[in-house]
Amino acid sequence: MNTVTATAAAKAKGPIVWLNMDQQELDDAYDQAVYAPNRDRLGKRRLANSAAALERIGKPERFAYGPTPIEGLDVYRTSKPNAPVGIFIHGGAWRNGAASEFTYLAEPFIGLGAHFVVLDFTNVDNAGGSLFPMVEQVCRAVGWVYRNAEKFGGDRERLHLISHSSGSHLAGCTVTHDWVKDGLPLNILKGAALSSGMYDLKPVRLSKRSKYVKFTDEMEQELSAMRHLDRLHTPLVLTYGTYETPEFQRQSREFAAAVKAAGKPVELLVGEGYNHFEMLETLANPYGLLGRAVLQQMRLT
């Protein structure tokens, strides 16, 4: 076999698994490292930026929203009284990440008059492969902020959700949560900005993520925000970067289209030249794509 033939054989497409993708292509489309070779460098920069921000703005207040150690949230307070509250849900493929890694995102918000809350919650590995405990904890944390905002000078009538990556999957489940069952208002969240997320779990279930997430029919159905737009009562901003994986781009586009078709408020913003992890950095910049959108949504100067 000559080199040309061998190369062609190596690139031969396998059976189609999802849309026009074979298994390898689908696996790659849910693996950020394939499309963002600078992932590790950006991760180090996030930690360094957060350490520097911590020196400037000081340690957050820590509150428990549940009985286990992970069920806590960090509150970075602004000096303004009765201020709006941004609640951030971090990503990490449902497996990684901690609230303490995202201090750098808080600085512009507290400077412009908003409290910034970062949630901690369990990961899928510690939850036995289930996403249900993660969603339950995030929704319970949001409910805690609503009920207890006055403890840190927050206005519970001005809560805004912000998220990235797998955190945006959790956020999608949060904005389509049945809040009435929790004795809370349907419009508990006055706005949400979801970046680079997943809103239908069917293709994710077909990908290699199923090796560590124990997907079930119930999980796919209940935790796919796309399928529960009747429960959506929050204006949305959705974003993605043009250097993200094709599936993360498609998920955001199709979720935005479905929300619009349902007659509910949504804005889709595209970050030209940004990959998955670079999109998050735009949240820390009031002139960045995500930062500007969130500040406008929260009506901050």
Protein backbone atom coordinates (compact mmCIF):
# COMPACT_ATOMS: atom_id res chain seq x y z
CA MET A 1 0.00 0.00 0.00
CA ASN A 2 1.50 3.32 -1.03
CA THR A 3 1.46 6.45 1.14
CA VAL A 4 -1.52 8.01 -0.64
CA THR A 5 -3.58 4.84 -0.29
CA ALA A 6 -2.60 4.43 3.37
CA THR A 7 -3.57 8.03 4.15
CA ALA A 8 -6.91 7.59 2.40
CA ALA A 9 -7.55 4.40 4.36
CA ALA A 10 -6.68 6.11 7.64
CA LYS A 11 -9.16 8.88 6.86
CA ALA A 12 -11.91 6.57 5.65
CA LYS A 13 -15.23 7.55 7.18
CA GLY A 14 -16.93 5.04 9.39
CA PRO A 15 -20.66 4.44 9.80
CA ILE A 16 -22.67 7.62 10.41
CA VAL A 17 -23.61 8.03 14.07
CA TRP A 18 -25.03 11.55 14.24
CA LEU A 19 -25.88 13.95 11.43
CA ASN A 20 -22.96 13.58 8.99
CA MET A 21 -20.44 12.40 11.61
CA ASP A 22 -18.98 9.01 12.26
CA GLN A 23 -18.06 7.93 15.80
CA GLN A 24 -14.61 9.51 15.82
CA GLU A 25 -15.91 12.80 14.46
CA LEU A 26 -18.71 12.87 17.00
CA ASP A 27 -16.30 12.04 19.83
CA ASP A 28 -14.04 14.87 18.68
CA ALA A 29 -17.01 17.23 18.50
CA TYR A 30 -17.55 16.75 22.25
CA ASP A 31 -13.85 16.93 23.14
CA GLN A 32 -12.74 20.55 23.56
CA ALA A 33 -9.04 19.68 23.47
CA VAL A 34 -9.33 18.62 19.82
CA TYR A 35 -10.49 22.09 18.78
CA ALA A 36 -8.66 24.14 21.42
CA PRO A 37 -5.00 23.07 21.52
CA ASN A 38 -4.23 25.94 23.91
CA ARG A 39 -6.65 24.60 26.55
CA ASP A 40 -4.01 23.89 29.19
CA ARG A 41 -2.34 27.25 28.72
CA LEU A 42 -5.65 29.04 29.11
CA GLY A 43 -6.36 27.01 32.23
CA LYS A 44 -3.09 28.15 33.79
CA ARG A 45 -3.90 31.73 32.84
CA ARG A 46 -7.32 31.45 34.50
CA LEU A 47 -5.73 30.34 37.76
CA ALA A 48 -3.07 33.04 37.61
CA ASN A 49 -5.63 35.74 36.84
CA SER A 50 -7.84 34.55 39.68
CA ALA A 51 -4.93 34.59 42.14
CA ALA A 52 -4.10 38.15 41.11
CA ALA A 53 -7.74 39.25 41.39
CA LEU A 54 -7.98 37.69 44.84
CA GLU A 55 -5.14 39.92 46.01
CA ARG A 56 -7.02 42.99 44.77
CA ILE A 57 -10.61 42.27 45.82
CA GLY A 58 -10.11 39.96 48.79
CA LYS A 59 -11.63 36.64 49.73
CA PRO A 60 -15.30 36.01 49.07
CA GLU A 61 -17.87 35.25 51.73
CA ARG A 62 -18.71 31.57 51.81
CA PHE A 63 -22.26 30.38 52.41
CA ALA A 64 -23.65 26.86 52.59
CA TYR A 65 -26.77 26.13 50.56
CA GLY A 66 -26.88 22.46 51.58
CA PRO A 67 -25.56 19.95 54.13
CA THR A 68 -22.53 18.51 52.31
CA PRO A 69 -19.18 20.33 52.07
CA ILE A 70 -19.42 20.85 48.31
CA GLU A 71 -22.81 22.55 48.63
CA GLY A 72 -21.44 26.04 49.09
CA LEU A 73 -21.15 29.27 47.15
CA ASP A 74 -18.69 32.16 47.08
CA VAL A 75 -20.08 35.70 47.20
CA TYR A 76 -17.95 38.59 45.97
CA ARG A 77 -19.70 41.68 47.32
CA THR A 78 -20.00 45.05 45.70
CA SER A 79 -20.05 48.16 47.88
CA LYS A 80 -23.44 49.24 46.57
CA PRO A 81 -26.47 48.33 48.70
CA ASN A 82 -29.39 46.27 47.41
CA ALA A 83 -27.42 45.42 44.29
CA PRO A 84 -28.22 42.99 41.46
CA VAL A 85 -26.68 39.54 41.65
CA GLY A 86 -24.85 37.60 38.95
CA ILE A 87 -24.75 33.84 39.62
CA PHE A 88 -22.04 31.94 37.75
CA ILE A 89 -22.11 28.22 36.92
CA HIS A 90 -18.72 26.95 35.83
CA GLY A 91 -17.95 24.27 33.29
CA GLY A 92 -15.47 21.41 33.20
CA ALA A 93 -17.10 18.58 31.21
CA TRP A 94 -19.28 17.92 34.31
CA ARG A 95 -16.12 16.50 35.92
CA ASN A 96 -13.85 19.40 36.87
CA GLY A 97 -13.78 22.94 38.22
CA ALA A 98 -14.27 24.73 41.53
CA ALA A 99 -15.66 28.11 42.50
CA SER A 100 -12.26 29.31 43.72
CA GLU A 101 -10.85 29.10 40.18
CA PHE A 102 -13.08 31.89 38.83
CA THR A 103 -12.33 34.89 41.05
CA TYR A 104 -11.08 36.87 38.06
CA LEU A 105 -14.58 36.94 36.57
CA ALA A 106 -15.97 38.72 39.63
CA GLU A 107 -13.80 41.83 39.55
CA PRO A 108 -15.55 43.85 36.81
CA PHE A 109 -18.99 43.04 38.22
CA ILE A 110 -18.31 44.18 41.77
CA GLY A 111 -16.63 47.29 40.37
CA LEU A 112 -19.76 48.16 38.41
CA GLY A 113 -22.19 47.59 41.23
CA ALA A 114 -23.23 43.93 41.22
CA HIS A 115 -22.58 41.06 43.56
CA PHE A 116 -20.97 38.05 41.88
CA VAL A 117 -21.80 34.56 43.16
CA VAL A 118 -19.90 31.45 42.06
CA LEU A 119 -21.44 28.07 42.79
CA ASP A 120 -19.78 24.88 43.89
CA PHE A 121 -21.57 21.59 43.24
CA THR A 122 -20.77 17.91 42.92
CA ASN A 123 -19.28 16.39 39.77
CA VAL A 124 -20.60 13.54 37.70
CA ASP A 125 -17.91 11.11 38.88
CA ASN A 126 -18.79 11.69 42.53
CA ALA A 127 -22.48 11.46 41.63
CA GLY A 128 -22.10 7.93 40.30
CA GLY A 129 -22.35 8.97 36.66
CA SER A 130 -25.63 10.86 37.07
CA LEU A 131 -26.25 14.49 36.09
CA PHE A 132 -29.40 14.73 38.20
CA PRO A 133 -27.61 15.57 41.48
CA MET A 134 -25.66 18.34 39.76
CA VAL A 135 -28.80 19.95 38.36
CA GLU A 136 -30.61 19.56 41.68
CA GLN A 137 -27.79 21.25 43.59
CA VAL A 138 -27.49 24.14 41.13
CA CYS A 139 -31.25 24.80 41.26
CA ARG A 140 -31.20 24.59 45.05
CA ALA A 141 -28.28 27.05 45.17
CA VAL A 142 -30.18 29.53 42.99
CA GLY A 143 -33.18 29.15 45.26
CA TRP A 144 -30.95 29.79 48.28
CA VAL A 145 -29.66 33.01 46.73
CA TYR A 146 -33.22 34.20 46.11
CA ARG A 147 -34.28 33.47 49.67
CA ASN A 148 -31.12 34.83 51.30
CA ALA A 149 -29.91 37.66 49.07
CA GLU A 150 -30.40 40.20 51.84
CA LYS A 151 -27.67 38.46 53.87
CA PHE A 152 -25.07 39.96 51.55
CA GLY A 153 -26.90 43.07 50.37
CA GLY A 154 -28.35 41.58 47.21
CA ASP A 155 -31.65 42.35 45.51
CA ARG A 156 -33.44 39.05 45.05
CA GLU A 157 -35.62 40.60 42.36
CA ARG A 158 -32.55 41.13 40.17
CA LEU A 159 -30.92 37.71 39.88
CA HIS A 160 -29.10 36.88 36.65
CA LEU A 161 -27.59 33.54 35.66
CA ILE A 162 -24.26 33.31 33.83
CA SER A 163 -22.65 30.08 32.64
CA HIS A 164 -20.08 28.41 30.44
CA SER A 165 -19.61 24.98 28.83
CA SER A 166 -21.12 22.10 30.83
CA GLY A 167 -22.18 24.82 33.26
CA SER A 168 -24.42 26.10 30.48
CA HIS A 169 -26.03 22.68 30.24
CA LEU A 170 -26.79 22.96 33.96
CA ALA A 171 -27.96 26.53 33.42
CA GLY A 172 -30.29 25.41 30.63
CA CYS A 173 -31.84 22.93 33.06
CA THR A 174 -32.06 25.71 35.65
CA VAL A 175 -33.93 28.18 33.45
CA THR A 176 -36.39 25.42 32.50
CA HIS A 177 -36.79 24.20 36.09
CA ASP A 178 -40.30 24.07 37.58
CA TRP A 179 -39.76 26.74 40.24
CA VAL A 180 -43.38 26.64 41.39
CA LYS A 181 -42.75 23.19 42.88
CA ASP A 182 -40.10 24.85 45.06
CA GLY A 183 -42.48 27.60 46.14
CA LEU A 184 -40.56 30.18 44.11
CA PRO A 185 -41.65 32.55 41.31
CA LEU A 186 -41.46 31.42 37.69
CA ASN A 187 -39.40 34.50 36.85
CA ILE A 188 -36.91 34.00 39.68
CA LEU A 189 -34.17 34.79 37.14
CA LYS A 190 -34.53 38.11 35.34
CA GLY A 191 -32.01 37.11 32.67
CA ALA A 192 -29.49 34.43 31.76
CA ALA A 193 -26.39 34.44 29.57
CA LEU A 194 -25.38 30.92 28.55
CA SER A 195 -22.11 30.49 26.70
CA SER A 196 -20.85 27.48 24.78
CA GLY A 197 -23.33 24.98 26.14
CA MET A 198 -25.28 21.81 25.38
CA TYR A 199 -29.06 21.88 25.34
CA ASP A 200 -30.02 18.47 23.93
CA LEU A 201 -28.31 15.40 25.34
CA LYS A 202 -29.08 12.95 22.53
CA PRO A 203 -25.84 13.48 20.57
CA VAL A 204 -23.83 13.81 23.78
CA ARG A 205 -25.16 10.42 24.82
CA LEU A 206 -23.92 8.96 21.54
CA SER A 207 -20.43 10.40 22.08
CA LYS A 208 -17.55 9.18 24.20
CA ARG A 209 -18.89 11.21 27.12
CA SER A 210 -21.18 8.23 27.72
CA LYS A 211 -18.11 6.44 29.09
CA TYR A 212 -18.38 8.48 32.29
CA VAL A 213 -21.96 9.75 32.21
CA LYS A 214 -24.48 6.94 32.76
CA PHE A 215 -27.11 8.31 30.43
CA THR A 216 -30.65 6.99 30.64
CA ASP A 217 -33.76 7.79 28.62
CA GLU A 218 -35.07 9.74 31.62
CA MET A 219 -31.87 11.75 31.94
CA GLU A 220 -31.75 12.54 28.23
CA GLN A 221 -35.38 13.68 28.22
CA GLU A 222 -35.59 15.58 31.49
CA LEU A 223 -32.18 17.27 31.30
CA SER A 224 -32.41 18.50 27.71
CA ALA A 225 -33.48 22.14 28.01
CA MET A 226 -34.45 22.19 24.32
CA ARG A 227 -37.37 19.90 25.15
CA HIS A 228 -38.86 21.99 27.95
CA LEU A 229 -39.29 25.46 26.49
CA ASP A 230 -42.80 25.60 27.96
CA ARG A 231 -41.07 26.02 31.33
CA LEU A 232 -38.78 28.84 30.16
CA HIS A 233 -39.59 32.23 31.69
CA THR A 234 -36.18 33.90 31.51
CA PRO A 235 -34.84 36.11 28.68
CA LEU A 236 -31.73 34.45 27.24
CA VAL A 237 -28.46 35.49 25.68
CA LEU A 238 -26.65 32.57 24.02
CA THR A 239 -23.07 32.76 22.79
CA TYR A 240 -20.45 30.61 21.11
CA GLY A 241 -17.13 31.09 19.34
CA THR A 242 -16.36 30.33 15.70
CA TYR A 243 -13.42 28.12 16.74
CA GLU A 244 -15.54 25.92 18.99
CA THR A 245 -16.38 22.36 18.03
CA PRO A 246 -19.08 22.01 15.35
CA GLU A 247 -21.48 20.44 17.83
CA PHE A 248 -21.13 23.20 20.42
CA GLN A 249 -21.80 25.75 17.70
CA ARG A 250 -24.82 23.83 16.40
CA GLN A 251 -26.26 23.28 19.89
CA SER A 252 -26.30 27.03 20.58
CA ARG A 253 -27.72 27.92 17.15
CA GLU A 254 -30.52 25.37 17.35
CA PHE A 255 -31.40 26.20 20.95
CA ALA A 256 -31.63 29.88 20.04
CA ALA A 257 -33.82 29.07 17.03
CA ALA A 258 -36.12 26.89 19.13
CA VAL A 259 -36.50 29.56 21.81
CA LYS A 260 -37.27 32.18 19.15
CA ALA A 261 -39.79 29.87 17.47
CA ALA A 262 -41.46 29.43 20.86
CA GLY A 263 -41.96 33.19 20.96
CA LYS A 264 -39.63 33.78 23.89
CA PRO A 265 -36.87 36.40 24.14
CA VAL A 266 -33.42 35.26 23.05
CA GLU A 267 -30.33 36.84 21.52
CA LEU A 268 -27.58 34.82 19.83
CA LEU A 269 -24.05 36.28 19.81
CA VAL A 270 -21.12 34.79 17.92
CA GLY A 271 -17.52 35.38 18.96
CA GLU A 272 -15.48 35.59 15.77
CA GLY A 273 -12.07 33.95 16.19
CA TYR A 274 -12.65 32.58 19.71
CA ASN A 275 -12.40 28.98 20.79
CA HIS A 276 -14.34 27.41 23.67
CA PHE A 277 -12.06 28.55 26.48
CA GLU A 278 -11.27 31.95 25.02
CA MET A 279 -14.99 32.72 25.05
CA LEU A 280 -15.02 32.55 28.85
CA GLU A 281 -12.27 35.16 29.07
CA THR A 282 -14.55 37.66 27.32
CA LEU A 283 -16.79 37.57 30.42
CA ALA A 284 -14.03 39.18 32.52
CA ASN A 285 -13.80 42.11 30.10
CA PRO A 286 -16.65 44.67 30.19
CA TYR A 287 -15.90 45.33 26.52
CA GLY A 288 -15.66 41.65 25.63
CA LEU A 289 -18.48 39.85 23.83
CA LEU A 290 -19.88 38.02 26.85
CA GLY A 291 -18.97 40.68 29.41
CA ARG A 292 -20.72 43.43 27.49
CA ALA A 293 -23.80 41.27 26.90
CA VAL A 294 -24.16 40.33 30.56
CA LEU A 295 -23.63 43.88 31.81
CA GLN A 296 -26.25 45.14 29.36
CA GLN A 297 -28.66 42.42 30.45
CA MET A 298 -28.09 43.39 34.10
CA ARG A 299 -28.45 47.06 33.20
CA LEU A 300 -25.06 47.98 34.60
CA THR A 301 -23.07 50.90 33.16
